[in-house]
Protein backbone atom coordinates (compact mmCIF):
# COMPACT_ATOMS: atom_id res chain seq x y z
CA MET A 1 43.80 118.57 -29.91
CA ALA A 2 43.28 114.84 -29.25
CA GLU A 3 44.96 113.36 -26.22
CA LYS A 4 47.42 110.59 -26.96
CA LYS A 5 46.41 107.33 -25.30
CA PRO A 6 49.19 105.38 -23.61
CA PHE A 7 50.28 102.08 -25.11
CA VAL A 8 48.75 99.25 -23.02
CA ILE A 9 49.67 95.59 -23.25
CA THR A 10 47.83 92.76 -21.52
CA ILE A 11 49.93 89.89 -20.12
CA ASN A 12 48.22 87.10 -18.16
CA ASP A 13 45.03 89.16 -17.89
CA LYS A 14 46.86 92.16 -16.38
CA ASP A 15 47.23 95.50 -18.19
CA TYR A 16 50.58 97.28 -18.27
CA GLU A 17 51.28 100.74 -19.62
CA GLU A 18 54.46 101.27 -21.52
CA SER A 19 55.77 103.59 -18.81
CA GLN A 20 55.57 100.67 -16.33
CA LEU A 21 57.92 98.53 -18.35
CA ASN A 22 61.73 98.61 -18.22
CA ASP A 23 63.90 98.61 -21.31
CA GLN A 24 64.47 94.82 -21.24
CA GLN A 25 60.71 94.16 -20.96
CA LYS A 26 60.04 96.47 -23.91
CA ILE A 27 62.64 94.56 -25.97
CA LEU A 28 61.10 91.25 -25.05
CA ILE A 29 57.67 92.47 -26.06
CA ASN A 30 59.08 93.59 -29.43
CA HIS A 31 60.68 90.18 -29.91
CA ILE A 32 57.41 88.43 -29.11
CA ALA A 33 55.49 90.71 -31.49
CA ASP A 34 58.03 90.08 -34.28
CA LEU A 35 57.90 86.37 -33.72
CA ASP A 36 54.08 86.45 -33.87
CA ARG A 37 54.28 88.23 -37.23
CA LYS A 38 56.80 85.68 -38.51
CA ILE A 39 54.67 82.73 -37.34
CA GLY A 40 51.67 84.23 -39.12
CA SER A 41 53.70 84.74 -42.30
CA THR A 42 55.06 81.18 -42.09
CA ARG A 43 51.54 79.75 -41.68
CA PHE A 44 50.42 81.79 -44.75
CA ASN A 45 53.39 80.48 -46.77
CA LEU A 46 52.71 76.90 -45.58
CA ASP A 47 49.10 77.20 -46.72
CA GLN A 48 50.29 78.32 -50.18
CA LEU A 49 52.82 75.45 -50.36
CA GLN A 50 50.24 72.90 -49.29
CA VAL A 51 47.74 74.06 -51.92
CA GLY A 52 50.47 73.97 -54.60
CA ARG A 53 51.57 70.46 -53.55
CA ASP A 54 47.96 69.29 -53.59
CA ALA A 55 47.54 70.71 -57.12
CA PHE A 56 50.63 68.83 -58.36
CA VAL A 57 49.44 65.60 -56.74
CA ASN A 58 46.02 66.02 -58.44
CA ILE A 59 47.70 66.66 -61.80
CA LEU A 60 49.90 63.56 -61.35
CA THR A 61 46.94 61.43 -60.29
CA ALA A 62 44.93 62.56 -63.36
CA SER A 63 47.88 61.84 -65.63
CA LEU A 64 48.35 58.40 -64.20
CA ALA A 65 44.63 57.65 -64.51
CA GLN A 66 44.64 58.84 -68.15
CA GLY A 67 47.68 56.59 -68.89
CA GLU A 68 45.82 53.56 -67.54
CA THR A 69 42.84 54.16 -69.83
CA GLU A 70 44.95 54.41 -72.98
């Protein structure tokens, strides 16, 4: 049977096993991890919004240019 490896986190170039952390430190690590996920998701959403905005600007610009040539 495979041996379970302990959870290790590196903070400021120092490794800590989960057993070395108190409950408050574990909660703080969970908050940090959750915020990192939310920041990544927000960046992803911002990229989508920016591309969508750029598409609308391009459509508007093309429409204005077409109106000038008519």
